[in-house]
Amino acid sequence: MSRIAAPAHGFAGPVKRSITIAGHATSISLEPVFWTALEDAATAHGLPLSALVAEIDALRIVAPDPPNLASAIRSWLFGVQPRG
């Protein structure tokens, strides 16, 4: 018997979206729950989604041993955003 339950909406794989950062289109693959959290964070910060991703990318590229952009977004969402 498991002590945990599956997510209410089931498990979901990544969804790829194209976002323009600094004039260049890039594809990012995130699970739907992360896309929702990222959209909520953009709204909370009063930024378009692409602008928030660009800011996260700028922080990422100056980090020692920078991760890929999708990993940086996930880390930022868990490390910075308040949890309800």
PDB file of N, CA and C in Angstrom:
ATOM      1  N   MET A   1       0.845  -1.182   0.000  1.00  0.00           N
ATOM      2  CA  MET A   1       0.000   0.000   0.000  1.00  0.00           C
ATOM      3  C   MET A   1       0.892   1.249   0.000  1.00  0.00           C
ATOM      4  N   SER A   2       0.606   2.164  -0.907  1.00  0.00           N
ATOM      5  CA  SER A   2       1.414   3.369  -1.049  1.00  0.00           C
ATOM      6  C   SER A   2       0.963   4.456  -0.082  1.00  0.00           C
ATOM      7  N   ARG A   3       1.898   5.233   0.370  1.00  0.00           N
ATOM      8  CA  ARG A   3       1.602   6.352   1.273  1.00  0.00           C
ATOM      9  C   ARG A   3       1.364   7.647   0.515  1.00  0.00           C
ATOM     10  N   ILE A   4       1.598   7.607  -0.788  1.00  0.00           N
ATOM     11  CA  ILE A   4       1.377   8.801  -1.602  1.00  0.00           C
ATOM     12  C   ILE A   4       0.361   8.490  -2.693  1.00  0.00           C
ATOM     13  N   ALA A   5      -0.166   9.534  -3.299  1.00  0.00           N
ATOM     14  CA  ALA A   5      -1.154   9.364  -4.371  1.00  0.00           C
ATOM     15  C   ALA A   5      -0.625  10.007  -5.644  1.00  0.00           C
ATOM     16  N   ALA A   6      -1.136   9.562  -6.749  1.00  0.00           N
ATOM     17  CA  ALA A   6      -0.807  10.171  -8.040  1.00  0.00           C
ATOM     18  C   ALA A   6      -1.395  11.582  -8.077  1.00  0.00           C
ATOM     19  N   PRO A   7      -0.827  12.462  -8.899  1.00  0.00           N
ATOM     20  CA  PRO A   7      -1.394  13.813  -9.039  1.00  0.00           C
ATOM     21  C   PRO A   7      -2.861  13.736  -9.467  1.00  0.00           C
ATOM     22  N   ALA A   8      -3.650  14.686  -9.002  1.00  0.00           N
ATOM     23  CA  ALA A   8      -5.089  14.698  -9.283  1.00  0.00           C
ATOM     24  C   ALA A   8      -5.391  14.642 -10.778  1.00  0.00           C
ATOM     25  N   HIS A   9      -4.568  15.304 -11.574  1.00  0.00           N
ATOM     26  CA  HIS A   9      -4.799  15.328 -13.027  1.00  0.00           C
ATOM     27  C   HIS A   9      -3.925  14.325 -13.760  1.00  0.00           C
ATOM     28  N   GLY A  10      -3.322  13.414 -13.022  1.00  0.00           N
ATOM     29  CA  GLY A  10      -2.472  12.399 -13.627  1.00  0.00           C
ATOM     30  C   GLY A  10      -1.065  12.912 -13.891  1.00  0.00           C
ATOM     31  N   PHE A  11      -0.231  12.031 -14.377  1.00  0.00           N
ATOM     32  CA  PHE A  11       1.134  12.393 -14.724  1.00  0.00           C
ATOM     33  C   PHE A  11       1.148  12.912 -16.150  1.00  0.00           C
ATOM     34  N   ALA A  12       2.013  13.887 -16.403  1.00  0.00           N
ATOM     35  CA  ALA A  12       2.080  14.466 -17.746  1.00  0.00           C
ATOM     36  C   ALA A  12       3.532  14.699 -18.128  1.00  0.00           C
ATOM     37  N   GLY A  13       3.843  14.398 -19.359  1.00  0.00           N
ATOM     38  CA  GLY A  13       5.185  14.632 -19.872  1.00  0.00           C
ATOM     39  C   GLY A  13       5.352  16.078 -20.296  1.00  0.00           C
ATOM     40  N   PRO A  14       6.565  16.419 -20.715  1.00  0.00           N
ATOM     41  CA  PRO A  14       6.838  17.801 -21.094  1.00  0.00           C
ATOM     42  C   PRO A  14       6.096  18.236 -22.351  1.00  0.00           C
ATOM     43  N   VAL A  15       5.821  19.534 -22.383  1.00  0.00           N
ATOM     44  CA  VAL A  15       5.193  20.180 -23.534  1.00  0.00           C
ATOM     45  C   VAL A  15       6.202  21.199 -24.050  1.00  0.00           C
ATOM     46  N   LYS A  16       6.485  21.152 -25.339  1.00  0.00           N
ATOM     47  CA  LYS A  16       7.464  22.064 -25.936  1.00  0.00           C
ATOM     48  C   LYS A  16       6.755  23.316 -26.432  1.00  0.00           C
ATOM     49  N   ARG A  17       7.324  24.481 -26.078  1.00  0.00           N
ATOM     50  CA  ARG A  17       6.827  25.764 -26.568  1.00  0.00           C
ATOM     51  C   ARG A  17       7.998  26.569 -27.103  1.00  0.00           C
ATOM     52  N   SER A  18       7.703  27.434 -28.041  1.00  0.00           N
ATOM     53  CA  SER A  18       8.717  28.335 -28.581  1.00  0.00           C
ATOM     54  C   SER A  18       8.539  29.706 -27.944  1.00  0.00           C
ATOM     55  N   ILE A  19       9.652  30.256 -27.454  1.00  0.00           N
ATOM     56  CA  ILE A  19       9.638  31.572 -26.815  1.00  0.00           C
ATOM     57  C   ILE A  19      10.770  32.385 -27.429  1.00  0.00           C
ATOM     58  N   THR A  20      10.534  33.675 -27.623  1.00  0.00           N
ATOM     59  CA  THR A  20      11.566  34.554 -28.152  1.00  0.00           C
ATOM     60  C   THR A  20      12.295  35.227 -26.991  1.00  0.00           C
ATOM     61  N   ILE A  21      13.614  35.038 -26.970  1.00  0.00           N
ATOM     62  CA  ILE A  21      14.472  35.648 -25.956  1.00  0.00           C
ATOM     63  C   ILE A  21      15.526  36.462 -26.694  1.00  0.00           C
ATOM     64  N   ALA A  22      15.575  37.746 -26.390  1.00  0.00           N
ATOM     65  CA  ALA A  22      16.550  38.647 -27.021  1.00  0.00           C
ATOM     66  C   ALA A  22      16.519  38.530 -28.540  1.00  0.00           C
ATOM     67  N   GLY A  23      15.326  38.420 -29.093  1.00  0.00           N
ATOM     68  CA  GLY A  23      15.166  38.375 -30.539  1.00  0.00           C
ATOM     69  C   GLY A  23      15.392  37.026 -31.183  1.00  0.00           C
ATOM     70  N   HIS A  24      15.671  36.009 -30.375  1.00  0.00           N
ATOM     71  CA  HIS A  24      15.920  34.668 -30.906  1.00  0.00           C
ATOM     72  C   HIS A  24      14.875  33.693 -30.384  1.00  0.00           C
ATOM     73  N   ALA A  25      14.293  32.923 -31.275  1.00  0.00           N
ATOM     74  CA  ALA A  25      13.317  31.910 -30.869  1.00  0.00           C
ATOM     75  C   ALA A  25      14.065  30.720 -30.269  1.00  0.00           C
ATOM     76  N   THR A  26      13.559  30.223 -29.166  1.00  0.00           N
ATOM     77  CA  THR A  26      14.123  29.037 -28.542  1.00  0.00           C
ATOM     78  C   THR A  26      12.982  28.142 -28.086  1.00  0.00           C
ATOM     79  N   SER A  27      13.194  26.854 -28.105  1.00  0.00           N
ATOM     80  CA  SER A  27      12.180  25.906 -27.649  1.00  0.00           C
ATOM     81  C   SER A  27      12.499  25.470 -26.234  1.00  0.00           C
ATOM     82  N   ILE A  28      11.466  25.427 -25.422  1.00  0.00           N
ATOM     83  CA  ILE A  28      11.609  24.995 -24.034  1.00  0.00           C
ATOM     84  C   ILE A  28      10.589  23.906 -23.782  1.00  0.00           C
ATOM     85  N   SER A  29      11.039  22.815 -23.184  1.00  0.00           N
ATOM     86  CA  SER A  29      10.144  21.710 -22.829  1.00  0.00           C
ATOM     87  C   SER A  29       9.983  21.662 -21.318  1.00  0.00           C
ATOM     88  N   LEU A  30       8.756  21.862 -20.864  1.00  0.00           N
ATOM     89  CA  LEU A  30       8.412  21.797 -19.445  1.00  0.00           C
ATOM     90  C   LEU A  30       7.110  21.030 -19.285  1.00  0.00           C
ATOM     91  N   GLU A  31       6.950  20.391 -18.160  1.00  0.00           N
ATOM     92  CA  GLU A  31       5.693  19.733 -17.850  1.00  0.00           C
ATOM     93  C   GLU A  31       4.623  20.813 -17.648  1.00  0.00           C
ATOM     94  N   PRO A  32       3.353  20.489 -17.936  1.00  0.00           N
ATOM     95  CA  PRO A  32       2.280  21.482 -17.817  1.00  0.00           C
ATOM     96  C   PRO A  32       2.233  22.200 -16.472  1.00  0.00           C
ATOM     97  N   VAL A  33       2.508  21.499 -15.387  1.00  0.00           N
ATOM     98  CA  VAL A  33       2.472  22.141 -14.068  1.00  0.00           C
ATOM     99  C   VAL A  33       3.512  23.256 -13.977  1.00  0.00           C
ATOM    100  N   PHE A  34       4.669  23.076 -14.628  1.00  0.00           N
ATOM    101  CA  PHE A  34       5.690  24.122 -14.618  1.00  0.00           C
ATOM    102  C   PHE A  34       5.302  25.282 -15.531  1.00  0.00           C
ATOM    103  N   TRP A  35       4.674  24.991 -16.667  1.00  0.00           N
ATOM    104  CA  TRP A  35       4.191  26.079 -17.528  1.00  0.00           C
ATOM    105  C   TRP A  35       3.179  26.936 -16.769  1.00  0.00           C
ATOM    106  N   THR A  36       2.272  26.292 -16.051  1.00  0.00           N
ATOM    107  CA  THR A  36       1.270  27.033 -15.282  1.00  0.00           C
ATOM    108  C   THR A  36       1.930  27.889 -14.212  1.00  0.00           C
ATOM    109  N   ALA A  37       2.885  27.304 -13.486  1.00  0.00           N
ATOM    110  CA  ALA A  37       3.590  28.056 -12.443  1.00  0.00           C
ATOM    111  C   ALA A  37       4.370  29.229 -13.043  1.00  0.00           C
ATOM    112  N   LEU A  38       4.980  29.020 -14.203  1.00  0.00           N
ATOM    113  CA  LEU A  38       5.741  30.077 -14.859  1.00  0.00           C
ATOM    114  C   LEU A  38       4.814  31.200 -15.325  1.00  0.00           C
ATOM    115  N   GLU A  39       3.671  30.840 -15.887  1.00  0.00           N
ATOM    116  CA  GLU A  39       2.692  31.853 -16.305  1.00  0.00           C
ATOM    117  C   GLU A  39       2.187  32.642 -15.103  1.00  0.00           C
ATOM    118  N   ASP A  40       1.919  31.957 -13.995  1.00  0.00           N
ATOM    119  CA  ASP A  40       1.479  32.633 -12.767  1.00  0.00           C
ATOM    120  C   ASP A  40       2.560  33.580 -12.250  1.00  0.00           C
ATOM    121  N   ALA A  41       3.815  33.140 -12.300  1.00  0.00           N
ATOM    122  CA  ALA A  41       4.923  33.979 -11.841  1.00  0.00           C
ATOM    123  C   ALA A  41       5.072  35.215 -12.731  1.00  0.00           C
ATOM    124  N   ALA A  42       4.922  35.043 -14.031  1.00  0.00           N
ATOM    125  CA  ALA A  42       5.009  36.187 -14.948  1.00  0.00           C
ATOM    126  C   ALA A  42       3.918  37.205 -14.615  1.00  0.00           C
ATOM    127  N   THR A  43       2.716  36.726 -14.386  1.00  0.00           N
ATOM    128  CA  THR A  43       1.609  37.614 -14.015  1.00  0.00           C
ATOM    129  C   THR A  43       1.906  38.323 -12.697  1.00  0.00           C
ATOM    130  N   ALA A  44       2.386  37.573 -11.708  1.00  0.00           N
ATOM    131  CA  ALA A  44       2.690  38.145 -10.397  1.00  0.00           C
ATOM    132  C   ALA A  44       3.781  39.214 -10.475  1.00  0.00           C
ATOM    133  N   HIS A  45       4.725  39.051 -11.405  1.00  0.00           N
ATOM    134  CA  HIS A  45       5.802  40.014 -11.568  1.00  0.00           C
ATOM    135  C   HIS A  45       5.459  41.106 -12.585  1.00  0.00           C
ATOM    136  N   GLY A  46       4.261  41.037 -13.170  1.00  0.00           N
ATOM    137  CA  GLY A  46       3.836  42.038 -14.147  1.00  0.00           C
ATOM    138  C   GLY A  46       4.660  42.008 -15.419  1.00  0.00           C
ATOM    139  N   LEU A  47       5.081  40.803 -15.818  1.00  0.00           N
ATOM    140  CA  LEU A  47       5.918  40.646 -17.002  1.00  0.00           C
ATOM    141  C   LEU A  47       5.257  39.716 -18.010  1.00  0.00           C
ATOM    142  N   PRO A  48       5.513  39.934 -19.289  1.00  0.00           N
ATOM    143  CA  PRO A  48       5.129  38.919 -20.261  1.00  0.00           C
ATOM    144  C   PRO A  48       5.955  37.658 -19.997  1.00  0.00           C
ATOM    145  N   LEU A  49       5.430  36.508 -20.367  1.00  0.00           N
ATOM    146  CA  LEU A  49       6.118  35.241 -20.140  1.00  0.00           C
ATOM    147  C   LEU A  49       7.521  35.266 -20.735  1.00  0.00           C
ATOM    148  N   SER A  50       7.663  35.775 -21.961  1.00  0.00           N
ATOM    149  CA  SER A  50       8.976  35.798 -22.604  1.00  0.00           C
ATOM    150  C   SER A  50       9.962  36.678 -21.843  1.00  0.00           C
ATOM    151  N   ALA A  51       9.500  37.762 -21.246  1.00  0.00           N
ATOM    152  CA  ALA A  51      10.384  38.644 -20.481  1.00  0.00           C
ATOM    153  C   ALA A  51      10.862  37.958 -19.201  1.00  0.00           C
ATOM    154  N   LEU A  52       9.977  37.241 -18.535  1.00  0.00           N
ATOM    155  CA  LEU A  52      10.382  36.512 -17.330  1.00  0.00           C
ATOM    156  C   LEU A  52      11.401  35.433 -17.685  1.00  0.00           C
ATOM    157  N   VAL A  53      11.148  34.695 -18.750  1.00  0.00           N
ATOM    158  CA  VAL A  53      12.087  33.652 -19.176  1.00  0.00           C
ATOM    159  C   VAL A  53      13.429  34.289 -19.536  1.00  0.00           C
ATOM    160  N   ALA A  54      13.415  35.442 -20.179  1.00  0.00           N
ATOM    161  CA  ALA A  54      14.663  36.129 -20.524  1.00  0.00           C
ATOM    162  C   ALA A  54      15.430  36.521 -19.264  1.00  0.00           C
ATOM    163  N   GLU A  55      14.734  36.964 -18.234  1.00  0.00           N
ATOM    164  CA  GLU A  55      15.401  37.327 -16.978  1.00  0.00           C
ATOM    165  C   GLU A  55      15.999  36.096 -16.298  1.00  0.00           C
ATOM    166  N   ILE A  56      15.261  35.003 -16.295  1.00  0.00           N
ATOM    167  CA  ILE A  56      15.795  33.757 -15.723  1.00  0.00           C
ATOM    168  C   ILE A  56      17.005  33.307 -16.525  1.00  0.00           C
ATOM    169  N   ASP A  57      16.933  33.420 -17.849  1.00  0.00           N
ATOM    170  CA  ASP A  57      18.049  33.031 -18.707  1.00  0.00           C
ATOM    171  C   ASP A  57      19.279  33.881 -18.422  1.00  0.00           C
ATOM    172  N   ALA A  58      19.091  35.171 -18.218  1.00  0.00           N
ATOM    173  CA  ALA A  58      20.218  36.061 -17.919  1.00  0.00           C
ATOM    174  C   ALA A  58      20.890  35.666 -16.601  1.00  0.00           C
ATOM    175  N   LEU A  59      20.096  35.297 -15.614  1.00  0.00           N
ATOM    176  CA  LEU A  59      20.650  34.829 -14.334  1.00  0.00           C
ATOM    177  C   LEU A  59      21.384  33.505 -14.523  1.00  0.00           C
ATOM    178  N   ARG A  60      20.817  32.651 -15.347  1.00  0.00           N
ATOM    179  CA  ARG A  60      21.373  31.319 -15.591  1.00  0.00           C
ATOM    180  C   ARG A  60      22.749  31.395 -16.236  1.00  0.00           C
ATOM    181  N   ILE A  61      22.896  32.228 -17.247  1.00  0.00           N
ATOM    182  CA  ILE A  61      24.133  32.206 -18.017  1.00  0.00           C
ATOM    183  C   ILE A  61      25.330  32.769 -17.255  1.00  0.00           C
ATOM    184  N   VAL A  62      25.099  33.519 -16.196  1.00  0.00           N
ATOM    185  CA  VAL A  62      26.222  34.018 -15.391  1.00  0.00           C
ATOM    186  C   VAL A  62      26.521  33.107 -14.201  1.00  0.00           C
ATOM    187  N   ALA A  63      25.718  32.076 -14.014  1.00  0.00           N
ATOM    188  CA  ALA A  63      25.942  31.138 -12.912  1.00  0.00           C
ATOM    189  C   ALA A  63      27.136  30.238 -13.221  1.00  0.00           C
ATOM    190  N   PRO A  64      27.842  29.826 -12.176  1.00  0.00           N
ATOM    191  CA  PRO A  64      28.899  28.850 -12.415  1.00  0.00           C
ATOM    192  C   PRO A  64      28.265  27.549 -12.920  1.00  0.00           C
ATOM    193  N   ASP A  65      28.834  26.982 -13.962  1.00  0.00           N
ATOM    194  CA  ASP A  65      28.328  25.734 -14.540  1.00  0.00           C
ATOM    195  C   ASP A  65      26.821  25.805 -14.789  1.00  0.00           C
ATOM    196  N   PRO A  66      26.383  26.728 -15.680  1.00  0.00           N
ATOM    197  CA  PRO A  66      24.944  26.937 -15.896  1.00  0.00           C
ATOM    198  C   PRO A  66      24.235  25.692 -16.429  1.00  0.00           C
ATOM    199  N   PRO A  67      23.045  25.427 -15.877  1.00  0.00           N
ATOM    200  CA  PRO A  67      22.238  24.310 -16.368  1.00  0.00           C
ATOM    201  C   PRO A  67      21.543  24.708 -17.666  1.00  0.00           C
ATOM    202  N   ASN A  68      20.827  23.759 -18.271  1.00  0.00           N
ATOM    203  CA  ASN A  68      20.031  24.136 -19.443  1.00  0.00           C
ATOM    204  C   ASN A  68      18.878  25.027 -18.981  1.00  0.00           C
ATOM    205  N   LEU A  69      18.250  25.696 -19.923  1.00  0.00           N
ATOM    206  CA  LEU A  69      17.231  26.689 -19.580  1.00  0.00           C
ATOM    207  C   LEU A  69      16.034  26.071 -18.867  1.00  0.00           C
ATOM    208  N   ALA A  70      15.576  24.917 -19.312  1.00  0.00           N
ATOM    209  CA  ALA A  70      14.426  24.277 -18.658  1.00  0.00           C
ATOM    210  C   ALA A  70      14.746  23.961 -17.198  1.00  0.00           C
ATOM    211  N   SER A  71      15.941  23.460 -16.931  1.00  0.00           N
ATOM    212  CA  SER A  71      16.339  23.168 -15.551  1.00  0.00           C
ATOM    213  C   SER A  71      16.425  24.450 -14.728  1.00  0.00           C
ATOM    214  N   ALA A  72      16.948  25.503 -15.332  1.00  0.00           N
ATOM    215  CA  ALA A  72      17.039  26.784 -14.628  1.00  0.00           C
ATOM    216  C   ALA A  72      15.650  27.312 -14.275  1.00  0.00           C
ATOM    217  N   ILE A  73      14.701  27.169 -15.184  1.00  0.00           N
ATOM    218  CA  ILE A  73      13.328  27.627 -14.919  1.00  0.00           C
ATOM    219  C   ILE A  73      12.728  26.830 -13.760  1.00  0.00           C
ATOM    220  N   ARG A  74      12.868  25.512 -13.797  1.00  0.00           N
ATOM    221  CA  ARG A  74      12.325  24.686 -12.715  1.00  0.00           C
ATOM    222  C   ARG A  74      12.953  25.060 -11.372  1.00  0.00           C
ATOM    223  N   SER A  75      14.283  25.221 -11.378  1.00  0.00           N
ATOM    224  CA  SER A  75      14.987  25.588 -10.145  1.00  0.00           C
ATOM    225  C   SER A  75      14.534  26.948  -9.647  1.00  0.00           C
ATOM    226  N   TRP A  76      14.389  27.907 -10.550  1.00  0.00           N
ATOM    227  CA  TRP A  76      13.944  29.242 -10.165  1.00  0.00           C
ATOM    228  C   TRP A  76      12.541  29.192  -9.563  1.00  0.00           C
ATOM    229  N   LEU A  77      11.667  28.437 -10.189  1.00  0.00           N
ATOM    230  CA  LEU A  77      10.292  28.340  -9.677  1.00  0.00           C
ATOM    231  C   LEU A  77      10.257  27.752  -8.273  1.00  0.00           C
ATOM    232  N   PHE A  78      11.076  26.758  -7.997  1.00  0.00           N
ATOM    233  CA  PHE A  78      11.085  26.143  -6.671  1.00  0.00           C
ATOM    234  C   PHE A  78      11.881  26.967  -5.666  1.00  0.00           C
ATOM    235  N   GLY A  79      12.892  27.707  -6.138  1.00  0.00           N
ATOM    236  CA  GLY A  79      13.752  28.424  -5.227  1.00  0.00           C
ATOM    237  C   GLY A  79      13.308  29.832  -4.888  1.00  0.00           C
ATOM    238  N   VAL A  80      12.504  30.438  -5.759  1.00  0.00           N
ATOM    239  CA  VAL A  80      12.175  31.843  -5.594  1.00  0.00           C
ATOM    240  C   VAL A  80      10.705  32.072  -5.266  1.00  0.00           C
ATOM    241  N   GLN A  81       9.847  31.329  -5.880  1.00  0.00           N
ATOM    242  CA  GLN A  81       8.418  31.577  -5.757  1.00  0.00           C
ATOM    243  C   GLN A  81       7.871  31.126  -4.410  1.00  0.00           C
ATOM    244  N   PRO A  82       7.028  31.961  -3.784  1.00  0.00           N
ATOM    245  CA  PRO A  82       6.389  31.534  -2.535  1.00  0.00           C
ATOM    246  C   PRO A  82       5.444  30.376  -2.800  1.00  0.00           C
ATOM    247  N   ARG A  83       5.358  29.491  -1.884  1.00  0.00           N
ATOM    248  CA  ARG A  83       4.442  28.346  -2.022  1.00  0.00           C
ATOM    249  C   ARG A  83       3.245  28.560  -1.122  1.00  0.00           C
ATOM    250  N   GLY A  84       2.067  28.371  -1.713  1.00  0.00           N
ATOM    251  CA  GLY A  84       0.828  28.611  -0.987  1.00  0.00           C
ATOM    252  C   GLY A  84       0.568  27.551  -0.056  1.00  0.00           C
TER     253      GLY A  84
END
